[in-house]
Protein backbone atom coordinates (compact mmCIF):
# COMPACT_ATOMS: atom_id res chain seq x y z
CA UNK A 1 -70.10 -35.38 -102.69
CA UNK A 2 -71.91 -32.08 -103.26
CA UNK A 3 -70.36 -30.64 -100.12
CA UNK A 4 -66.86 -31.58 -101.32
CA UNK A 5 -67.60 -30.02 -104.70
CA UNK A 6 -68.90 -26.86 -103.03
CA UNK A 7 -65.72 -26.73 -100.92
CA UNK A 8 -63.57 -26.99 -104.04
CA UNK A 9 -65.51 -24.14 -105.65
CA UNK A 10 -65.10 -22.00 -102.51
CA UNK A 11 -61.37 -22.67 -102.53
CA UNK A 12 -61.20 -21.53 -106.15
CA UNK A 13 -63.50 -18.53 -105.62
CA UNK A 14 -63.63 -17.46 -101.94
CA UNK A 15 -65.83 -14.48 -102.85
CA UNK A 16 -68.69 -16.97 -103.23
CA UNK A 17 -68.98 -17.03 -99.44
CA UNK A 18 -69.77 -13.31 -99.25
CA UNK A 19 -72.25 -13.61 -102.09
CA UNK A 20 -73.94 -16.52 -100.34
CA UNK A 21 -74.19 -14.62 -97.04
CA UNK A 22 -75.79 -11.67 -98.85
CA UNK A 23 -78.29 -13.97 -100.57
CA UNK A 24 -79.18 -15.65 -97.27
CA UNK A 25 -79.65 -12.32 -95.47
CA UNK A 26 -81.86 -11.07 -98.30
CA UNK A 27 -83.95 -14.23 -98.02
CA UNK A 28 -84.35 -13.70 -94.28
CA UNK A 29 -85.30 -10.04 -94.82
CA UNK A 30 -87.87 -10.79 -97.52
CA UNK A 31 -89.98 -13.46 -95.93
CA UNK A 32 -87.73 -16.18 -94.60
CA UNK A 33 -88.45 -15.29 -90.99
CA UNK A 34 -90.70 -17.76 -89.29
CA UNK A 35 -90.08 -20.50 -91.85
CA UNK A 36 -88.77 -23.92 -90.92
CA UNK A 37 -85.46 -23.05 -92.57
CA UNK A 38 -84.88 -19.80 -90.65
CA UNK A 39 -82.76 -21.40 -87.93
CA UNK A 40 -80.51 -23.23 -90.37
CA UNK A 41 -80.17 -20.12 -92.52
CA UNK A 42 -79.14 -18.00 -89.54
CA UNK A 43 -76.68 -20.67 -88.46
CA UNK A 44 -75.06 -20.73 -91.91
CA UNK A 45 -74.84 -16.92 -92.03
CA UNK A 46 -73.01 -17.05 -88.71
CA UNK A 47 -70.65 -19.74 -89.95
CA UNK A 48 -69.89 -17.91 -93.19
CA UNK A 49 -69.29 -14.61 -91.41
CA UNK A 50 -67.18 -16.03 -88.59
CA UNK A 51 -64.93 -18.50 -90.40
CA UNK A 52 -62.32 -18.17 -93.06
CA UNK A 53 -62.94 -19.77 -96.45
CA UNK A 54 -60.59 -22.58 -95.38
CA UNK A 55 -62.60 -23.05 -92.19
CA UNK A 56 -65.87 -23.32 -94.12
CA UNK A 57 -64.28 -25.81 -96.52
CA UNK A 58 -62.96 -27.87 -93.61
CA UNK A 59 -66.46 -27.99 -92.13
CA UNK A 60 -67.93 -29.12 -95.44
CA UNK A 61 -65.43 -31.99 -95.55
CA UNK A 62 -65.49 -32.88 -91.85
CA UNK A 63 -66.68 -36.34 -90.85
CA UNK A 64 -68.73 -35.66 -87.73
CA UNK A 65 -72.40 -35.72 -86.76
CA UNK A 66 -72.40 -31.92 -86.42
CA UNK A 67 -70.90 -31.40 -89.87
CA UNK A 68 -73.36 -33.89 -91.34
CA UNK A 69 -76.24 -32.00 -89.73
CA UNK A 70 -74.98 -28.71 -91.17
CA UNK A 71 -74.46 -30.21 -94.63
CA UNK A 72 -78.13 -31.26 -94.65
CA UNK A 73 -79.04 -27.56 -94.91
CA UNK A 74 -76.01 -26.46 -96.93
CA UNK A 75 -76.74 -23.15 -98.69
CA UNK A 76 -74.11 -23.61 -101.39
CA UNK A 77 -76.33 -24.31 -104.38
CA UNK A 78 -76.85 -23.14 -107.91
CA UNK A 79 -74.61 -22.82 -110.92
CA UNK A 80 -71.82 -21.05 -109.01
CA UNK A 81 -71.27 -24.24 -107.03
CA UNK A 82 -72.26 -27.03 -109.40
CA UNK A 83 -74.10 -27.65 -112.62
CA UNK A 84 -77.36 -29.56 -112.90
CA UNK A 85 -75.41 -32.50 -114.34
CA UNK A 86 -72.99 -32.51 -111.40
CA UNK A 87 -75.88 -32.32 -108.94
CA UNK A 88 -77.76 -35.15 -110.66
CA UNK A 89 -74.61 -37.29 -110.77
CA UNK A 90 -74.06 -36.78 -107.04
CA UNK A 91 -77.68 -37.61 -106.27
CA UNK A 92 -77.47 -40.78 -108.37
CA UNK A 93 -74.25 -41.81 -106.63
CA UNK A 94 -75.83 -41.23 -103.22
CA UNK A 95 -78.87 -43.31 -104.14
CA UNK A 96 -76.83 -46.23 -105.51
CA UNK A 97 -76.62 -49.31 -103.26
């Protein structure tokens, strides 16, 4: 659900992709190297920089093992993508039987 919501926000504001790539590169440059998340972060930078906004949105909505793996480290977080209430609602829905 969060991935679909992030995709909708990207469709409405494609500039969020560039902002996210900048934030990820800054994280890598200021201490992210060598962390467990470095590989996933680099992979997402590559995806953001090589795909169109529509391509990123399609990936976020895709039903495949690869897309699921990528969504597990999705960098589209924070108030630009969803509010705390939206995030909590999605987490509750995912945890429901």
